[in-house]
Amino acid sequence: MFVVFQFLVYFRCLLRTILDKGAFLVSAVSNLKKEAFFQKLEI
């Protein structure tokens, strides 16, 4: 039972890390798209 609890805690931390990295990637990609869009407007 204790092993299952440890696994759940580890899994939750892992999931949070993945979600944080995913959110960071999404914001980075959207920023790149915005910059490319504005560069197109400038040209």
PDB file of N, CA and C in Angstrom:
ATOM      1  N   MET A   1       0.829  -1.199   0.000  1.00  0.00           N
ATOM      2  CA  MET A   1       0.000   0.000   0.000  1.00  0.00           C
ATOM      3  C   MET A   1       0.869   1.257   0.000  1.00  0.00           C
ATOM      4  N   PHE A   2       1.919   1.253   0.818  1.00  0.00           N
ATOM      5  CA  PHE A   2       2.810   2.411   0.894  1.00  0.00           C
ATOM      6  C   PHE A   2       3.510   2.642  -0.441  1.00  0.00           C
ATOM      7  N   VAL A   3       3.853   1.548  -1.139  1.00  0.00           N
ATOM      8  CA  VAL A   3       4.511   1.677  -2.441  1.00  0.00           C
ATOM      9  C   VAL A   3       3.570   2.357  -3.433  1.00  0.00           C
ATOM     10  N   VAL A   4       2.302   1.987  -3.388  1.00  0.00           N
ATOM     11  CA  VAL A   4       1.315   2.589  -4.288  1.00  0.00           C
ATOM     12  C   VAL A   4       1.210   4.085  -4.000  1.00  0.00           C
ATOM     13  N   PHE A   5       1.185   4.444  -2.708  1.00  0.00           N
ATOM     14  CA  PHE A   5       1.099   5.857  -2.335  1.00  0.00           C
ATOM     15  C   PHE A   5       2.319   6.620  -2.843  1.00  0.00           C
ATOM     16  N   GLN A   6       3.501   6.036  -2.679  1.00  0.00           N
ATOM     17  CA  GLN A   6       4.732   6.675  -3.166  1.00  0.00           C
ATOM     18  C   GLN A   6       4.666   6.867  -4.673  1.00  0.00           C
ATOM     19  N   PHE A   7       4.170   5.847  -5.370  1.00  0.00           N
ATOM     20  CA  PHE A   7       4.067   5.927  -6.829  1.00  0.00           C
ATOM     21  C   PHE A   7       3.114   7.038  -7.232  1.00  0.00           C
ATOM     22  N   LEU A   8       1.991   7.171  -6.512  1.00  0.00           N
ATOM     23  CA  LEU A   8       1.026   8.227  -6.838  1.00  0.00           C
ATOM     24  C   LEU A   8       1.646   9.606  -6.639  1.00  0.00           C
ATOM     25  N   VAL A   9       2.377   9.781  -5.550  1.00  0.00           N
ATOM     26  CA  VAL A   9       3.028  11.074  -5.296  1.00  0.00           C
ATOM     27  C   VAL A   9       4.035  11.363  -6.395  1.00  0.00           C
ATOM     28  N   TYR A  10       4.848  10.354  -6.748  1.00  0.00           N
ATOM     29  CA  TYR A  10       5.844  10.534  -7.813  1.00  0.00           C
ATOM     30  C   TYR A  10       5.164  10.852  -9.140  1.00  0.00           C
ATOM     31  N   PHE A  11       4.075  10.139  -9.420  1.00  0.00           N
ATOM     32  CA  PHE A  11       3.364  10.340 -10.681  1.00  0.00           C
ATOM     33  C   PHE A  11       2.784  11.751 -10.739  1.00  0.00           C
ATOM     34  N   ARG A  12       2.262  12.238  -9.599  1.00  0.00           N
ATOM     35  CA  ARG A  12       1.690  13.579  -9.574  1.00  0.00           C
ATOM     36  C   ARG A  12       2.761  14.633  -9.820  1.00  0.00           C
ATOM     37  N   CYS A  13       3.926  14.443  -9.209  1.00  0.00           N
ATOM     38  CA  CYS A  13       5.031  15.386  -9.433  1.00  0.00           C
ATOM     39  C   CYS A  13       5.447  15.358 -10.902  1.00  0.00           C
ATOM     40  N   LEU A  14       5.529  14.161 -11.466  1.00  0.00           N
ATOM     41  CA  LEU A  14       5.916  14.013 -12.864  1.00  0.00           C
ATOM     42  C   LEU A  14       4.903  14.707 -13.770  1.00  0.00           C
ATOM     43  N   LEU A  15       3.623  14.495 -13.470  1.00  0.00           N
ATOM     44  CA  LEU A  15       2.564  15.103 -14.277  1.00  0.00           C
ATOM     45  C   LEU A  15       2.649  16.622 -14.200  1.00  0.00           C
ATOM     46  N   ARG A  16       2.888  17.147 -12.991  1.00  0.00           N
ATOM     47  CA  ARG A  16       2.988  18.602 -12.830  1.00  0.00           C
ATOM     48  C   ARG A  16       4.163  19.147 -13.633  1.00  0.00           C
ATOM     49  N   THR A  17       5.289  18.423 -13.598  1.00  0.00           N
ATOM     50  CA  THR A  17       6.466  18.862 -14.357  1.00  0.00           C
ATOM     51  C   THR A  17       6.160  18.881 -15.848  1.00  0.00           C
ATOM     52  N   ILE A  18       5.492  17.814 -16.330  1.00  0.00           N
ATOM     53  CA  ILE A  18       5.149  17.742 -17.758  1.00  0.00           C
ATOM     54  C   ILE A  18       4.210  18.884 -18.131  1.00  0.00           C
ATOM     55  N   LEU A  19       3.216  19.159 -17.254  1.00  0.00           N
ATOM     56  CA  LEU A  19       2.272  20.241 -17.549  1.00  0.00           C
ATOM     57  C   LEU A  19       2.987  21.583 -17.569  1.00  0.00           C
ATOM     58  N   ASP A  20       3.903  21.791 -16.621  1.00  0.00           N
ATOM     59  CA  ASP A  20       4.652  23.058 -16.599  1.00  0.00           C
ATOM     60  C   ASP A  20       5.471  23.212 -17.874  1.00  0.00           C
ATOM     61  N   LYS A  21       6.172  22.142 -18.258  1.00  0.00           N
ATOM     62  CA  LYS A  21       6.988  22.210 -19.477  1.00  0.00           C
ATOM     63  C   LYS A  21       6.099  22.402 -20.699  1.00  0.00           C
ATOM     64  N   GLY A  22       4.948  21.751 -20.709  1.00  0.00           N
ATOM     65  CA  GLY A  22       4.021  21.900 -21.830  1.00  0.00           C
ATOM     66  C   GLY A  22       3.522  23.330 -21.936  1.00  0.00           C
ATOM     67  N   ALA A  23       3.170  23.920 -20.800  1.00  0.00           N
ATOM     68  CA  ALA A  23       2.701  25.305 -20.815  1.00  0.00           C
ATOM     69  C   ALA A  23       3.822  26.226 -21.285  1.00  0.00           C
ATOM     70  N   PHE A  24       5.050  25.951 -20.842  1.00  0.00           N
ATOM     71  CA  PHE A  24       6.187  26.776 -21.255  1.00  0.00           C
ATOM     72  C   PHE A  24       6.402  26.660 -22.767  1.00  0.00           C
ATOM     73  N   LEU A  25       6.313  25.421 -23.285  1.00  0.00           N
ATOM     74  CA  LEU A  25       6.492  25.218 -24.724  1.00  0.00           C
ATOM     75  C   LEU A  25       5.401  25.937 -25.514  1.00  0.00           C
ATOM     76  N   VAL A  26       4.160  25.830 -25.039  1.00  0.00           N
ATOM     77  CA  VAL A  26       3.048  26.472 -25.742  1.00  0.00           C
ATOM     78  C   VAL A  26       3.246  27.985 -25.777  1.00  0.00           C
ATOM     79  N   SER A  27       3.639  28.566 -24.631  1.00  0.00           N
ATOM     80  CA  SER A  27       3.835  30.023 -24.608  1.00  0.00           C
ATOM     81  C   SER A  27       5.008  30.416 -25.501  1.00  0.00           C
ATOM     82  N   ALA A  28       6.068  29.603 -25.511  1.00  0.00           N
ATOM     83  CA  ALA A  28       7.223  29.923 -26.363  1.00  0.00           C
ATOM     84  C   ALA A  28       6.824  29.864 -27.836  1.00  0.00           C
ATOM     85  N   VAL A  29       6.072  28.840 -28.208  1.00  0.00           N
ATOM     86  CA  VAL A  29       5.645  28.700 -29.607  1.00  0.00           C
ATOM     87  C   VAL A  29       4.730  29.853 -30.004  1.00  0.00           C
ATOM     88  N   SER A  30       3.798  30.211 -29.112  1.00  0.00           N
ATOM     89  CA  SER A  30       2.884  31.317 -29.446  1.00  0.00           C
ATOM     90  C   SER A  30       3.663  32.625 -29.568  1.00  0.00           C
ATOM     91  N   ASN A  31       4.678  32.820 -28.715  1.00  0.00           N
ATOM     92  CA  ASN A  31       5.502  34.029 -28.827  1.00  0.00           C
ATOM     93  C   ASN A  31       6.234  34.047 -30.165  1.00  0.00           C
ATOM     94  N   LEU A  32       6.770  32.898 -30.586  1.00  0.00           N
ATOM     95  CA  LEU A  32       7.465  32.829 -31.873  1.00  0.00           C
ATOM     96  C   LEU A  32       6.501  33.148 -33.012  1.00  0.00           C
ATOM     97  N   LYS A  33       5.287  32.612 -32.926  1.00  0.00           N
ATOM     98  CA  LYS A  33       4.304  32.880 -33.984  1.00  0.00           C
ATOM     99  C   LYS A  33       3.962  34.358 -34.023  1.00  0.00           C
ATOM    100  N   LYS A  34       3.810  34.989 -32.844  1.00  0.00           N
ATOM    101  CA  LYS A  34       3.513  36.427 -32.798  1.00  0.00           C
ATOM    102  C   LYS A  34       4.646  37.218 -33.437  1.00  0.00           C
ATOM    103  N   GLU A  35       5.884  36.878 -33.099  1.00  0.00           N
ATOM    104  CA  GLU A  35       7.030  37.603 -33.655  1.00  0.00           C
ATOM    105  C   GLU A  35       7.073  37.448 -35.174  1.00  0.00           C
ATOM    106  N   ALA A  36       6.855  36.246 -35.661  1.00  0.00           N
ATOM    107  CA  ALA A  36       6.866  36.020 -37.110  1.00  0.00           C
ATOM    108  C   ALA A  36       5.746  36.818 -37.768  1.00  0.00           C
ATOM    109  N   PHE A  37       4.590  36.852 -37.115  1.00  0.00           N
ATOM    110  CA  PHE A  37       3.447  37.592 -37.661  1.00  0.00           C
ATOM    111  C   PHE A  37       3.774  39.082 -37.749  1.00  0.00           C
ATOM    112  N   PHE A  38       4.370  39.635 -36.689  1.00  0.00           N
ATOM    113  CA  PHE A  38       4.705  41.055 -36.701  1.00  0.00           C
ATOM    114  C   PHE A  38       5.809  41.354 -37.714  1.00  0.00           C
ATOM    115  N   GLN A  39       6.727  40.418 -37.878  1.00  0.00           N
ATOM    116  CA  GLN A  39       7.775  40.623 -38.883  1.00  0.00           C
ATOM    117  C   GLN A  39       7.162  40.660 -40.282  1.00  0.00           C
ATOM    118  N   LYS A  40       6.153  39.827 -40.519  1.00  0.00           N
ATOM    119  CA  LYS A  40       5.474  39.852 -41.818  1.00  0.00           C
ATOM    120  C   LYS A  40       4.784  41.192 -42.024  1.00  0.00           C
ATOM    121  N   LEU A  41       4.203  41.727 -40.950  1.00  0.00           N
ATOM    122  CA  LEU A  41       3.525  43.025 -41.066  1.00  0.00           C
ATOM    123  C   LEU A  41       4.522  44.128 -41.391  1.00  0.00           C
ATOM    124  N   GLU A  42       5.726  44.043 -40.819  1.00  0.00           N
ATOM    125  CA  GLU A  42       6.728  45.088 -41.048  1.00  0.00           C
ATOM    126  C   GLU A  42       7.231  45.085 -42.485  1.00  0.00           C
ATOM    127  N   ILE A  43       7.302  43.903 -43.081  1.00  0.00           N
ATOM    128  CA  ILE A  43       7.874  43.808 -44.432  1.00  0.00           C
ATOM    129  C   ILE A  43       6.974  44.473 -45.469  1.00  0.00           C
TER     130      ILE A  43
END
